[in-house]
Each structure stands twice: as C-alpha cells, then as structure tokens.
C-alpha cells in the first residue's frame, strides 16, 4: 500500500471519528440529579454559620402574621397541604417592600443541635397593606423557595423549634417562631 495515498484517508478517518465522538458528547443525556430540585433559581441549600442579614432599621413596616411548619393550610383553598416552613408576610408600612431576605434557625429540643439557613427571597414585591405567603418546600413558582431535604426539620423525630427573621430594606426585621412537634414533618394533615 502506498503511504502517500493512505495519509489523506487516515486523516479523513480520524476527523470522522473525532467528529462522531464530539457529537456523542454534546448530545449525551446528563445524569439524573441526586440533589433536590431548587426553586426560584437558587443553588443548593446548606446550613450557614452566621446570619448574613445586615439591617439596622427601627422603622416598623413588616410583620410575619403566620408561621407554620406542621398542620399547614393553603391560604387560598384552605385545604391541608404537606408540612413545610410556611410564612405569611404583611406590609404594614406606607411604601412597597422588595429585597426580602430570610434567616431561620431550627433547634432540636432534645439534642440541642441547631442548624441555620439563609435565603434571598427574590421575586417578591409587597405593596402597602398587602400580604403574601412564602414556602420553603423545593417546589417551583412564585413564593416557593428551596429547603434542605436533609435538615433537622426533615430528619429528626424530636420536637424542633424555629426562630425566624425576615428582612426588607428600610424596615425593621420581622421575627416569628414555629414548632414542629415530635415526629416527622412531611405529611399532609
């Protein structure tokens, strides 16, 4: 076989093989995710070691009118929904509120182990006198935010105490508490 005649065929063959490999890599199905689906475009939810909220306002204007982590009720349909951290916020001030942030700590009442979480609540605008409900439940859509499916709330069978802070620029941080009784916190009641 003539080497001069074979070189172009070898080059063409190598290019075809390389092209086929590149095509296979670019169209391959990615592996199934093993982490929870994240809502509102957020990244993985991991505990934080300190509260990153910086808000020194003393102006009243934001309240948490409801905080639930068990026996949850859909505020529109009034039907029972699966347990999750559910907060109803109210703007009691004269101006629109945006730029919300949430910080909450859950503490196992038996072991005294605690975990804290921080989340920017993107997409919320709260007009004066209005209320909105937010959910930490790994669902998508307005008002739904990610949660850690392996948190104390989901993994401990002990009573879990929640201390919650919601912040918006220009108004005092709103606080609330909630309690998950002993048992697991993931069923519709």
N, C-alpha and C. Protein backbone atom coordinates (compact mmCIF):
# COMPACT_ATOMS: atom_id res chain seq x y z
N UNK A 1 0.84 -1.16 0.00
CA UNK A 1 0.00 0.00 0.00
C UNK A 1 0.89 1.23 0.00
N UNK A 2 0.52 2.21 -0.78
CA UNK A 2 1.29 3.44 -0.94
C UNK A 2 0.99 4.37 0.22
N UNK A 3 2.02 4.74 0.99
CA UNK A 3 1.86 5.58 2.17
C UNK A 3 1.34 6.96 1.81
N UNK A 4 1.80 7.52 0.67
CA UNK A 4 1.34 8.85 0.27
C UNK A 4 -0.15 8.86 0.00
N UNK A 5 -0.69 7.80 -0.55
CA UNK A 5 -2.11 7.72 -0.84
C UNK A 5 -2.92 7.43 0.44
N UNK A 6 -2.33 6.79 1.42
CA UNK A 6 -3.03 6.40 2.65
C UNK A 6 -3.17 7.55 3.64
N UNK A 7 -2.24 8.49 3.66
CA UNK A 7 -2.27 9.58 4.64
C UNK A 7 -3.57 10.38 4.57
N UNK A 8 -4.02 10.81 3.38
CA UNK A 8 -5.28 11.56 3.35
C UNK A 8 -6.46 10.73 3.87
N UNK A 9 -6.48 9.44 3.58
CA UNK A 9 -7.57 8.59 4.07
C UNK A 9 -7.52 8.45 5.59
N UNK A 10 -6.33 8.34 6.14
CA UNK A 10 -6.18 8.24 7.60
C UNK A 10 -6.63 9.53 8.27
N UNK A 11 -6.25 10.67 7.69
CA UNK A 11 -6.65 11.98 8.25
C UNK A 11 -8.16 12.13 8.20
N UNK A 12 -8.77 11.79 7.08
CA UNK A 12 -10.23 11.89 6.95
C UNK A 12 -10.91 10.96 7.95
N UNK A 13 -10.41 9.76 8.09
CA UNK A 13 -10.97 8.81 9.06
C UNK A 13 -10.85 9.32 10.49
N UNK A 14 -9.70 9.89 10.83
CA UNK A 14 -9.50 10.43 12.18
C UNK A 14 -10.45 11.59 12.45
N UNK A 15 -10.65 12.45 11.45
CA UNK A 15 -11.58 13.57 11.61
C UNK A 15 -13.02 13.08 11.79
N UNK A 16 -13.39 12.05 11.05
CA UNK A 16 -14.74 11.49 11.20
C UNK A 16 -14.94 10.90 12.60
N UNK A 17 -13.97 10.17 13.08
CA UNK A 17 -14.05 9.59 14.43
C UNK A 17 -14.12 10.70 15.48
N UNK A 18 -13.28 11.73 15.36
CA UNK A 18 -13.29 12.85 16.31
C UNK A 18 -14.63 13.58 16.27
N UNK A 19 -15.17 13.78 15.07
CA UNK A 19 -16.47 14.44 14.95
C UNK A 19 -17.58 13.62 15.58
N UNK A 20 -17.55 12.32 15.37
CA UNK A 20 -18.55 11.43 15.96
C UNK A 20 -18.48 11.45 17.48
N UNK A 21 -17.28 11.43 18.02
CA UNK A 21 -17.11 11.49 19.48
C UNK A 21 -17.62 12.81 20.02
N UNK A 22 -17.28 13.92 19.36
CA UNK A 22 -17.74 15.24 19.80
C UNK A 22 -19.26 15.32 19.76
N UNK A 23 -19.88 14.75 18.71
CA UNK A 23 -21.32 14.77 18.60
C UNK A 23 -21.96 13.96 19.73
N UNK A 24 -21.42 12.80 20.04
CA UNK A 24 -21.96 11.96 21.10
C UNK A 24 -21.87 12.65 22.45
N UNK A 25 -20.75 13.32 22.72
CA UNK A 25 -20.57 14.01 23.99
C UNK A 25 -21.56 15.15 24.12
N UNK A 26 -21.77 15.90 23.04
CA UNK A 26 -22.65 17.07 23.12
C UNK A 26 -24.12 16.70 23.21
N UNK A 27 -24.51 15.51 22.76
CA UNK A 27 -25.92 15.11 22.81
C UNK A 27 -26.22 14.08 23.88
N UNK A 28 -25.22 13.73 24.66
CA UNK A 28 -25.43 12.72 25.71
C UNK A 28 -26.39 13.26 26.76
N UNK A 29 -27.22 12.38 27.29
CA UNK A 29 -28.14 12.76 28.35
C UNK A 29 -27.38 12.91 29.64
N UNK A 30 -27.53 14.07 30.32
CA UNK A 30 -26.80 14.23 31.57
C UNK A 30 -27.34 13.27 32.62
N UNK A 31 -26.54 12.91 33.59
CA UNK A 31 -27.01 12.02 34.64
C UNK A 31 -28.11 12.69 35.45
N UNK A 32 -29.00 11.87 35.99
CA UNK A 32 -30.08 12.39 36.81
C UNK A 32 -29.52 13.02 38.07
N UNK A 33 -30.07 14.19 38.42
CA UNK A 33 -29.60 14.90 39.62
C UNK A 33 -30.01 14.13 40.86
N UNK A 34 -29.14 14.12 41.85
CA UNK A 34 -29.46 13.46 43.10
C UNK A 34 -29.79 14.47 44.18
N UNK A 35 -29.62 15.75 43.88
CA UNK A 35 -29.95 16.77 44.87
C UNK A 35 -31.38 17.23 44.63
N UNK A 36 -32.02 17.84 45.65
CA UNK A 36 -33.38 18.30 45.49
C UNK A 36 -33.49 19.36 44.40
N UNK A 37 -34.65 19.42 43.78
CA UNK A 37 -34.92 20.46 42.79
C UNK A 37 -34.94 21.80 43.51
N UNK A 38 -34.25 22.77 42.96
CA UNK A 38 -34.17 24.08 43.59
C UNK A 38 -35.21 25.01 42.98
N UNK A 39 -35.91 25.73 43.80
CA UNK A 39 -36.91 26.67 43.35
C UNK A 39 -36.30 28.05 43.18
N UNK A 40 -36.95 28.85 42.39
CA UNK A 40 -36.59 30.26 42.20
C UNK A 40 -35.14 30.46 41.81
N UNK A 41 -34.56 29.53 41.08
CA UNK A 41 -33.22 29.70 40.55
C UNK A 41 -32.12 29.70 41.59
N UNK A 42 -32.35 29.14 42.74
CA UNK A 42 -31.36 29.18 43.80
C UNK A 42 -30.44 27.98 43.73
N UNK A 43 -29.31 28.08 44.39
CA UNK A 43 -28.37 26.98 44.44
C UNK A 43 -28.70 26.08 45.63
N UNK A 44 -27.87 25.07 45.85
CA UNK A 44 -28.11 24.11 46.93
C UNK A 44 -28.27 24.82 48.27
N UNK A 45 -29.12 24.27 49.10
CA UNK A 45 -29.39 24.86 50.41
C UNK A 45 -28.53 24.15 51.45
N UNK A 46 -27.60 24.90 52.01
CA UNK A 46 -26.71 24.36 53.03
C UNK A 46 -26.79 25.23 54.27
N UNK A 47 -26.56 24.63 55.45
CA UNK A 47 -26.58 25.44 56.67
C UNK A 47 -25.52 26.55 56.62
N UNK A 48 -25.81 27.65 57.29
CA UNK A 48 -24.86 28.75 57.42
C UNK A 48 -24.44 28.85 58.89
N UNK A 49 -23.26 29.41 59.12
CA UNK A 49 -22.75 29.50 60.49
C UNK A 49 -23.09 30.82 61.16
N UNK A 50 -23.51 31.82 60.37
CA UNK A 50 -23.89 33.11 60.97
C UNK A 50 -24.94 33.77 60.10
N UNK A 51 -25.62 34.75 60.67
CA UNK A 51 -26.68 35.47 59.98
C UNK A 51 -26.07 36.56 59.10
N UNK A 52 -26.21 36.47 57.78
CA UNK A 52 -25.63 37.48 56.90
C UNK A 52 -26.49 38.74 56.73
N UNK A 53 -27.69 38.75 57.32
CA UNK A 53 -28.56 39.92 57.16
C UNK A 53 -27.97 41.10 57.92
N UNK A 54 -27.86 42.23 57.22
CA UNK A 54 -27.41 43.48 57.83
C UNK A 54 -28.56 44.47 57.65
N UNK A 55 -29.32 44.69 58.71
CA UNK A 55 -30.46 45.59 58.67
C UNK A 55 -30.62 46.19 60.06
N UNK A 56 -30.34 47.47 60.19
CA UNK A 56 -30.42 48.14 61.49
C UNK A 56 -31.64 49.05 61.59
N UNK A 57 -32.55 48.97 60.63
CA UNK A 57 -33.72 49.85 60.64
C UNK A 57 -34.59 49.58 61.86
N UNK A 58 -35.16 50.64 62.39
CA UNK A 58 -36.11 50.53 63.51
C UNK A 58 -37.51 50.93 63.07
N UNK A 59 -37.68 51.18 61.78
CA UNK A 59 -38.98 51.58 61.23
C UNK A 59 -39.89 50.37 61.11
N UNK A 60 -41.02 50.41 61.78
CA UNK A 60 -41.99 49.32 61.70
C UNK A 60 -42.64 49.35 60.32
N UNK A 61 -42.84 48.18 59.72
CA UNK A 61 -43.47 48.14 58.41
C UNK A 61 -43.63 46.74 57.85
N UNK A 62 -43.05 45.76 58.51
CA UNK A 62 -43.13 44.38 58.05
C UNK A 62 -43.43 43.48 59.23
N UNK A 63 -44.42 42.60 59.07
CA UNK A 63 -44.73 41.63 60.12
C UNK A 63 -44.88 40.24 59.49
N UNK A 64 -44.60 39.24 60.30
CA UNK A 64 -44.89 37.86 59.93
C UNK A 64 -46.19 37.54 60.65
N UNK A 65 -47.29 37.47 59.90
CA UNK A 65 -48.59 37.25 60.53
C UNK A 65 -48.90 35.77 60.72
N UNK A 66 -48.11 34.91 60.10
CA UNK A 66 -48.29 33.48 60.29
C UNK A 66 -47.02 32.73 59.99
N UNK A 67 -46.69 31.78 60.84
CA UNK A 67 -45.52 30.91 60.65
C UNK A 67 -45.95 29.50 61.01
N UNK A 68 -45.81 28.58 60.06
CA UNK A 68 -46.21 27.20 60.30
C UNK A 68 -45.16 26.25 59.76
N UNK A 69 -44.98 25.14 60.46
CA UNK A 69 -44.10 24.06 59.99
C UNK A 69 -44.80 22.70 60.07
N UNK A 70 -46.03 22.70 60.54
CA UNK A 70 -46.86 21.50 60.55
C UNK A 70 -48.31 21.93 60.53
N UNK A 71 -49.18 21.01 60.18
CA UNK A 71 -50.61 21.31 60.06
C UNK A 71 -50.83 22.51 59.14
N UNK A 72 -50.07 22.56 58.04
CA UNK A 72 -50.13 23.69 57.11
C UNK A 72 -51.45 23.70 56.35
N UNK A 73 -51.90 24.92 56.06
CA UNK A 73 -53.13 25.14 55.31
C UNK A 73 -52.83 26.08 54.15
N UNK A 74 -53.31 25.74 52.95
CA UNK A 74 -53.17 26.63 51.81
C UNK A 74 -54.01 27.87 52.07
N UNK A 75 -53.41 29.07 52.01
CA UNK A 75 -54.16 30.28 52.35
C UNK A 75 -55.28 30.62 51.37
N UNK A 76 -55.23 30.09 50.16
CA UNK A 76 -56.27 30.38 49.18
C UNK A 76 -57.38 29.34 49.22
N UNK A 77 -57.02 28.06 49.15
CA UNK A 77 -58.03 27.00 49.10
C UNK A 77 -58.49 26.55 50.47
N UNK A 78 -57.72 26.88 51.49
CA UNK A 78 -57.98 26.46 52.89
C UNK A 78 -57.87 24.95 53.07
N UNK A 79 -57.26 24.28 52.09
CA UNK A 79 -57.06 22.83 52.18
C UNK A 79 -55.74 22.53 52.89
N UNK A 80 -55.68 21.36 53.52
CA UNK A 80 -54.44 20.92 54.15
C UNK A 80 -53.39 20.67 53.07
N UNK A 81 -52.16 21.08 53.35
CA UNK A 81 -51.04 20.83 52.44
C UNK A 81 -49.90 20.19 53.22
N UNK A 82 -48.96 19.60 52.50
CA UNK A 82 -47.82 18.95 53.16
C UNK A 82 -47.09 19.92 54.06
N UNK A 83 -46.54 19.38 55.15
CA UNK A 83 -45.79 20.20 56.09
C UNK A 83 -44.56 20.79 55.42
N UNK A 84 -44.29 22.05 55.74
CA UNK A 84 -43.16 22.80 55.22
C UNK A 84 -43.06 24.08 56.03
N UNK A 85 -41.95 24.80 55.93
CA UNK A 85 -41.88 26.12 56.54
C UNK A 85 -42.69 27.05 55.65
N UNK A 86 -43.74 27.63 56.23
CA UNK A 86 -44.68 28.49 55.51
C UNK A 86 -44.83 29.78 56.30
N UNK A 87 -44.55 30.91 55.64
CA UNK A 87 -44.61 32.21 56.30
C UNK A 87 -45.54 33.15 55.55
N UNK A 88 -46.43 33.80 56.27
CA UNK A 88 -47.28 34.83 55.68
C UNK A 88 -46.76 36.18 56.16
N UNK A 89 -46.39 37.02 55.19
CA UNK A 89 -45.79 38.32 55.46
C UNK A 89 -46.79 39.42 55.15
N UNK A 90 -46.76 40.49 55.94
CA UNK A 90 -47.65 41.63 55.70
C UNK A 90 -46.85 42.92 55.73
N UNK A 91 -47.11 43.77 54.73
CA UNK A 91 -46.52 45.11 54.69
C UNK A 91 -47.45 46.04 55.44
N UNK A 92 -47.03 46.50 56.61
CA UNK A 92 -47.85 47.41 57.43
C UNK A 92 -47.40 48.86 57.27
N UNK A 93 -46.46 49.10 56.37
CA UNK A 93 -45.94 50.45 56.16
C UNK A 93 -46.57 51.12 54.95
N UNK A 94 -46.10 52.35 54.64
CA UNK A 94 -46.69 53.14 53.56
C UNK A 94 -46.03 52.97 52.18
N UNK A 95 -44.93 52.18 52.09
CA UNK A 95 -44.23 52.05 50.81
C UNK A 95 -44.10 50.59 50.41
N UNK A 96 -43.88 50.36 49.11
CA UNK A 96 -43.66 49.00 48.61
C UNK A 96 -42.39 48.42 49.22
N UNK A 97 -42.41 47.13 49.48
CA UNK A 97 -41.24 46.44 50.01
C UNK A 97 -40.74 45.42 48.99
N UNK A 98 -39.42 45.40 48.80
CA UNK A 98 -38.75 44.42 47.94
C UNK A 98 -37.44 44.05 48.62
N UNK A 99 -36.67 43.20 48.00
CA UNK A 99 -35.35 42.84 48.53
C UNK A 99 -35.40 42.02 49.80
N UNK A 100 -36.37 41.13 49.91
CA UNK A 100 -36.56 40.33 51.12
C UNK A 100 -35.44 39.31 51.30
N UNK A 101 -35.12 39.04 52.57
CA UNK A 101 -34.16 38.01 52.95
C UNK A 101 -34.76 37.24 54.12
N UNK A 102 -34.47 35.95 54.17
CA UNK A 102 -34.94 35.11 55.28
C UNK A 102 -33.74 34.47 55.96
N UNK A 103 -33.81 34.41 57.29
CA UNK A 103 -32.81 33.69 58.08
C UNK A 103 -33.59 32.95 59.15
N UNK A 104 -33.35 31.65 59.25
CA UNK A 104 -34.06 30.89 60.29
C UNK A 104 -33.13 29.85 60.89
N UNK A 105 -33.37 29.61 62.17
CA UNK A 105 -32.61 28.61 62.91
C UNK A 105 -33.58 27.58 63.44
N UNK A 106 -33.26 26.32 63.23
CA UNK A 106 -34.05 25.23 63.79
C UNK A 106 -33.21 24.53 64.84
N UNK A 107 -33.84 24.25 65.99
CA UNK A 107 -33.12 23.63 67.10
C UNK A 107 -33.88 22.40 67.56
N UNK A 108 -33.17 21.29 67.65
CA UNK A 108 -33.73 20.05 68.16
C UNK A 108 -33.86 20.20 69.67
N UNK A 109 -35.09 20.13 70.18
CA UNK A 109 -35.34 20.37 71.60
C UNK A 109 -34.72 19.30 72.50
N UNK A 110 -34.47 18.12 72.00
CA UNK A 110 -33.89 17.05 72.80
C UNK A 110 -32.37 17.09 72.79
N UNK A 111 -31.78 17.15 71.61
CA UNK A 111 -30.31 17.09 71.50
C UNK A 111 -29.66 18.46 71.56
N UNK A 112 -30.45 19.51 71.42
CA UNK A 112 -29.97 20.91 71.38
C UNK A 112 -29.12 21.21 70.14
N UNK A 113 -29.10 20.30 69.18
CA UNK A 113 -28.43 20.55 67.91
C UNK A 113 -29.21 21.61 67.14
N UNK A 114 -28.49 22.51 66.47
CA UNK A 114 -29.19 23.53 65.69
C UNK A 114 -28.57 23.69 64.32
N UNK A 115 -29.38 24.16 63.38
CA UNK A 115 -28.96 24.49 62.02
C UNK A 115 -29.61 25.80 61.65
N UNK A 116 -28.86 26.63 60.92
CA UNK A 116 -29.40 27.91 60.45
C UNK A 116 -29.31 27.96 58.93
N UNK A 117 -30.28 28.66 58.33
CA UNK A 117 -30.35 28.79 56.88
C UNK A 117 -30.65 30.23 56.50
N UNK A 118 -30.10 30.63 55.35
CA UNK A 118 -30.31 31.97 54.81
C UNK A 118 -30.80 31.82 53.38
N UNK A 119 -31.74 32.68 52.99
CA UNK A 119 -32.26 32.63 51.63
C UNK A 119 -32.70 34.02 51.20
N UNK A 120 -32.23 34.48 50.03
CA UNK A 120 -32.79 35.69 49.43
C UNK A 120 -34.14 35.31 48.86
N UNK A 121 -35.14 36.13 49.10
CA UNK A 121 -36.48 35.85 48.62
C UNK A 121 -36.73 36.68 47.36
N UNK A 122 -36.07 36.29 46.29
CA UNK A 122 -36.20 37.01 45.02
C UNK A 122 -37.63 36.94 44.51
N UNK A 123 -38.04 37.99 43.81
CA UNK A 123 -39.33 37.98 43.14
C UNK A 123 -40.50 38.46 43.96
N UNK A 124 -40.29 38.92 45.17
CA UNK A 124 -41.41 39.39 45.99
C UNK A 124 -41.44 40.91 46.00
N UNK A 125 -42.59 41.47 45.69
CA UNK A 125 -42.86 42.89 45.91
C UNK A 125 -44.15 42.93 46.73
N UNK A 126 -44.09 43.59 47.87
CA UNK A 126 -45.23 43.62 48.77
C UNK A 126 -45.72 45.06 48.91
N UNK A 127 -46.90 45.32 48.36
CA UNK A 127 -47.49 46.65 48.40
C UNK A 127 -48.01 46.96 49.80
N UNK A 128 -48.16 48.24 50.14
CA UNK A 128 -48.67 48.63 51.47
C UNK A 128 -50.02 47.96 51.77
N UNK A 129 -50.13 47.40 52.97
CA UNK A 129 -51.37 46.78 53.41
C UNK A 129 -51.60 45.38 52.88
N UNK A 130 -50.74 44.87 52.04
CA UNK A 130 -50.93 43.56 51.41
C UNK A 130 -50.16 42.47 52.14
N UNK A 131 -50.60 41.22 51.91
CA UNK A 131 -49.95 40.04 52.47
C UNK A 131 -49.51 39.12 51.34
N UNK A 132 -48.51 38.32 51.61
CA UNK A 132 -48.09 37.26 50.70
C UNK A 132 -47.58 36.09 51.54
N UNK A 133 -47.69 34.90 51.00
CA UNK A 133 -47.21 33.71 51.70
C UNK A 133 -46.05 33.12 50.92
N UNK A 134 -45.00 32.75 51.66
CA UNK A 134 -43.84 32.11 51.06
C UNK A 134 -43.67 30.72 51.67
N UNK A 135 -43.12 29.83 50.86
CA UNK A 135 -42.97 28.43 51.26
C UNK A 135 -41.54 27.99 51.01
N UNK A 136 -40.98 27.24 51.95
CA UNK A 136 -39.67 26.62 51.78
C UNK A 136 -39.96 25.14 51.59
N UNK A 137 -40.05 24.71 50.31
CA UNK A 137 -40.58 23.38 50.02
C UNK A 137 -40.00 22.72 48.76
N UNK A 138 -38.99 23.33 48.16
CA UNK A 138 -38.37 22.78 46.94
C UNK A 138 -39.33 22.70 45.77
N UNK A 139 -40.41 23.44 45.80
CA UNK A 139 -41.31 23.49 44.65
C UNK A 139 -40.97 24.74 43.84
N UNK A 140 -41.44 24.78 42.61
CA UNK A 140 -41.16 25.93 41.76
C UNK A 140 -42.38 26.84 41.71
N UNK A 141 -42.15 28.05 41.27
CA UNK A 141 -43.23 29.02 41.12
C UNK A 141 -43.08 30.16 42.10
N UNK A 142 -43.87 31.19 41.90
CA UNK A 142 -43.79 32.37 42.77
C UNK A 142 -44.03 32.01 44.23
N UNK A 143 -43.18 32.52 45.10
CA UNK A 143 -43.34 32.32 46.53
C UNK A 143 -42.78 31.01 47.06
N UNK A 144 -42.21 30.18 46.20
CA UNK A 144 -41.65 28.90 46.62
C UNK A 144 -40.13 28.98 46.56
N UNK A 145 -39.50 28.52 47.63
CA UNK A 145 -38.05 28.59 47.77
C UNK A 145 -37.52 27.24 48.21
N UNK A 146 -36.22 27.01 48.00
CA UNK A 146 -35.65 25.70 48.33
C UNK A 146 -35.51 25.48 49.83
N UNK A 147 -35.44 24.23 50.19
CA UNK A 147 -35.14 23.82 51.56
C UNK A 147 -34.13 22.69 51.50
N UNK A 148 -33.50 22.42 52.62
CA UNK A 148 -32.58 21.30 52.72
C UNK A 148 -33.39 20.07 53.12
N UNK A 149 -33.54 19.14 52.21
CA UNK A 149 -34.33 17.94 52.47
C UNK A 149 -33.72 17.04 53.54
N UNK A 150 -32.49 17.34 53.97
CA UNK A 150 -31.82 16.55 54.98
C UNK A 150 -31.62 17.34 56.28
N UNK A 151 -32.35 18.42 56.43
CA UNK A 151 -32.22 19.27 57.62
C UNK A 151 -32.78 18.57 58.85
N UNK A 152 -32.56 19.18 60.00
CA UNK A 152 -33.14 18.67 61.25
C UNK A 152 -34.65 18.55 61.13
N UNK A 153 -35.26 19.51 60.50
CA UNK A 153 -36.72 19.51 60.32
C UNK A 153 -37.20 18.24 59.64
N UNK A 154 -36.47 17.79 58.64
CA UNK A 154 -36.87 16.60 57.90
C UNK A 154 -36.32 15.31 58.47
N UNK A 155 -35.23 15.37 59.24
CA UNK A 155 -34.59 14.13 59.68
C UNK A 155 -34.80 13.78 61.15
N UNK A 156 -35.06 14.77 62.00
CA UNK A 156 -35.19 14.49 63.43
C UNK A 156 -36.63 14.12 63.77
N UNK A 157 -36.78 13.16 64.66
CA UNK A 157 -38.10 12.80 65.16
C UNK A 157 -38.43 13.56 66.44
N UNK A 158 -37.50 14.41 66.89
CA UNK A 158 -37.71 15.21 68.10
C UNK A 158 -38.48 16.48 67.77
N UNK A 159 -38.93 17.15 68.80
CA UNK A 159 -39.54 18.47 68.65
C UNK A 159 -38.47 19.42 68.10
N UNK A 160 -38.85 20.25 67.12
CA UNK A 160 -37.93 21.21 66.51
C UNK A 160 -38.51 22.62 66.69
N UNK A 161 -37.71 23.51 67.28
CA UNK A 161 -38.10 24.91 67.47
C UNK A 161 -37.47 25.75 66.36
N UNK A 162 -38.28 26.60 65.74
CA UNK A 162 -37.81 27.50 64.69
C UNK A 162 -37.81 28.93 65.21
N UNK A 163 -36.72 29.66 64.96
CA UNK A 163 -36.63 31.11 65.19
C UNK A 163 -36.41 31.73 63.81
N UNK A 164 -37.31 32.61 63.39
CA UNK A 164 -37.36 33.09 62.01
C UNK A 164 -37.20 34.61 61.96
N UNK A 165 -36.42 35.08 60.99
CA UNK A 165 -36.27 36.51 60.72
C UNK A 165 -36.51 36.76 59.24
N UNK A 166 -37.30 37.79 58.94
CA UNK A 166 -37.48 38.25 57.56
C UNK A 166 -37.09 39.71 57.52
N UNK A 167 -36.27 40.06 56.54
CA UNK A 167 -35.77 41.43 56.41
C UNK A 167 -36.13 41.99 55.05
N UNK A 168 -36.39 43.29 55.02
CA UNK A 168 -36.55 44.05 53.78
C UNK A 168 -35.93 45.42 54.03
N UNK A 169 -35.25 45.99 53.04
CA UNK A 169 -34.59 47.28 53.24
C UNK A 169 -35.57 48.37 53.69
N UNK A 170 -35.13 49.15 54.68
CA UNK A 170 -35.91 50.29 55.13
C UNK A 170 -36.88 50.03 56.25
N UNK A 171 -37.07 48.75 56.61
CA UNK A 171 -37.98 48.43 57.71
C UNK A 171 -37.30 47.47 58.68
N UNK A 172 -37.80 47.50 59.92
CA UNK A 172 -37.27 46.64 60.98
C UNK A 172 -37.47 45.16 60.62
N UNK A 173 -36.52 44.34 61.01
CA UNK A 173 -36.61 42.89 60.79
C UNK A 173 -37.84 42.34 61.52
N UNK A 174 -38.62 41.53 60.81
CA UNK A 174 -39.78 40.87 61.41
C UNK A 174 -39.33 39.51 61.93
N UNK A 175 -39.87 39.11 63.08
CA UNK A 175 -39.49 37.83 63.69
C UNK A 175 -40.72 36.99 64.00
N UNK A 176 -40.50 35.70 64.06
CA UNK A 176 -41.57 34.77 64.43
C UNK A 176 -40.93 33.48 64.92
N UNK A 177 -41.75 32.64 65.52
CA UNK A 177 -41.32 31.31 65.92
C UNK A 177 -42.34 30.30 65.41
N UNK A 178 -41.90 29.07 65.29
CA UNK A 178 -42.79 27.97 64.92
C UNK A 178 -42.24 26.71 65.57
N UNK A 179 -43.10 25.73 65.77
CA UNK A 179 -42.70 24.48 66.42
C UNK A 179 -43.21 23.29 65.63
N UNK A 180 -42.30 22.34 65.39
CA UNK A 180 -42.68 21.04 64.85
C UNK A 180 -42.69 20.09 66.03
N UNK A 181 -43.82 19.49 66.29
CA UNK A 181 -43.91 18.52 67.38
C UNK A 181 -43.07 17.29 67.07
N UNK A 182 -42.84 16.47 68.08
CA UNK A 182 -42.09 15.23 67.88
C UNK A 182 -42.76 14.40 66.79
N UNK A 183 -41.96 13.75 65.99
CA UNK A 183 -42.43 13.02 64.82
C UNK A 183 -41.79 13.62 63.60
N UNK A 184 -42.16 13.15 62.41
CA UNK A 184 -41.58 13.72 61.20
C UNK A 184 -42.45 14.83 60.67
N UNK A 185 -41.87 15.73 59.86
CA UNK A 185 -42.60 16.90 59.40
C UNK A 185 -42.80 16.95 57.91
N UNK A 186 -43.38 15.90 57.33
CA UNK A 186 -43.52 15.93 55.88
C UNK A 186 -44.83 15.34 55.38
N UNK A 187 -45.86 15.43 56.16
CA UNK A 187 -47.11 14.84 55.70
C UNK A 187 -48.22 15.89 55.63
N UNK A 188 -49.23 15.58 54.83
CA UNK A 188 -50.41 16.44 54.74
C UNK A 188 -51.35 16.03 55.86
N UNK A 189 -51.83 17.00 56.60
CA UNK A 189 -52.66 16.70 57.77
C UNK A 189 -54.14 16.83 57.47
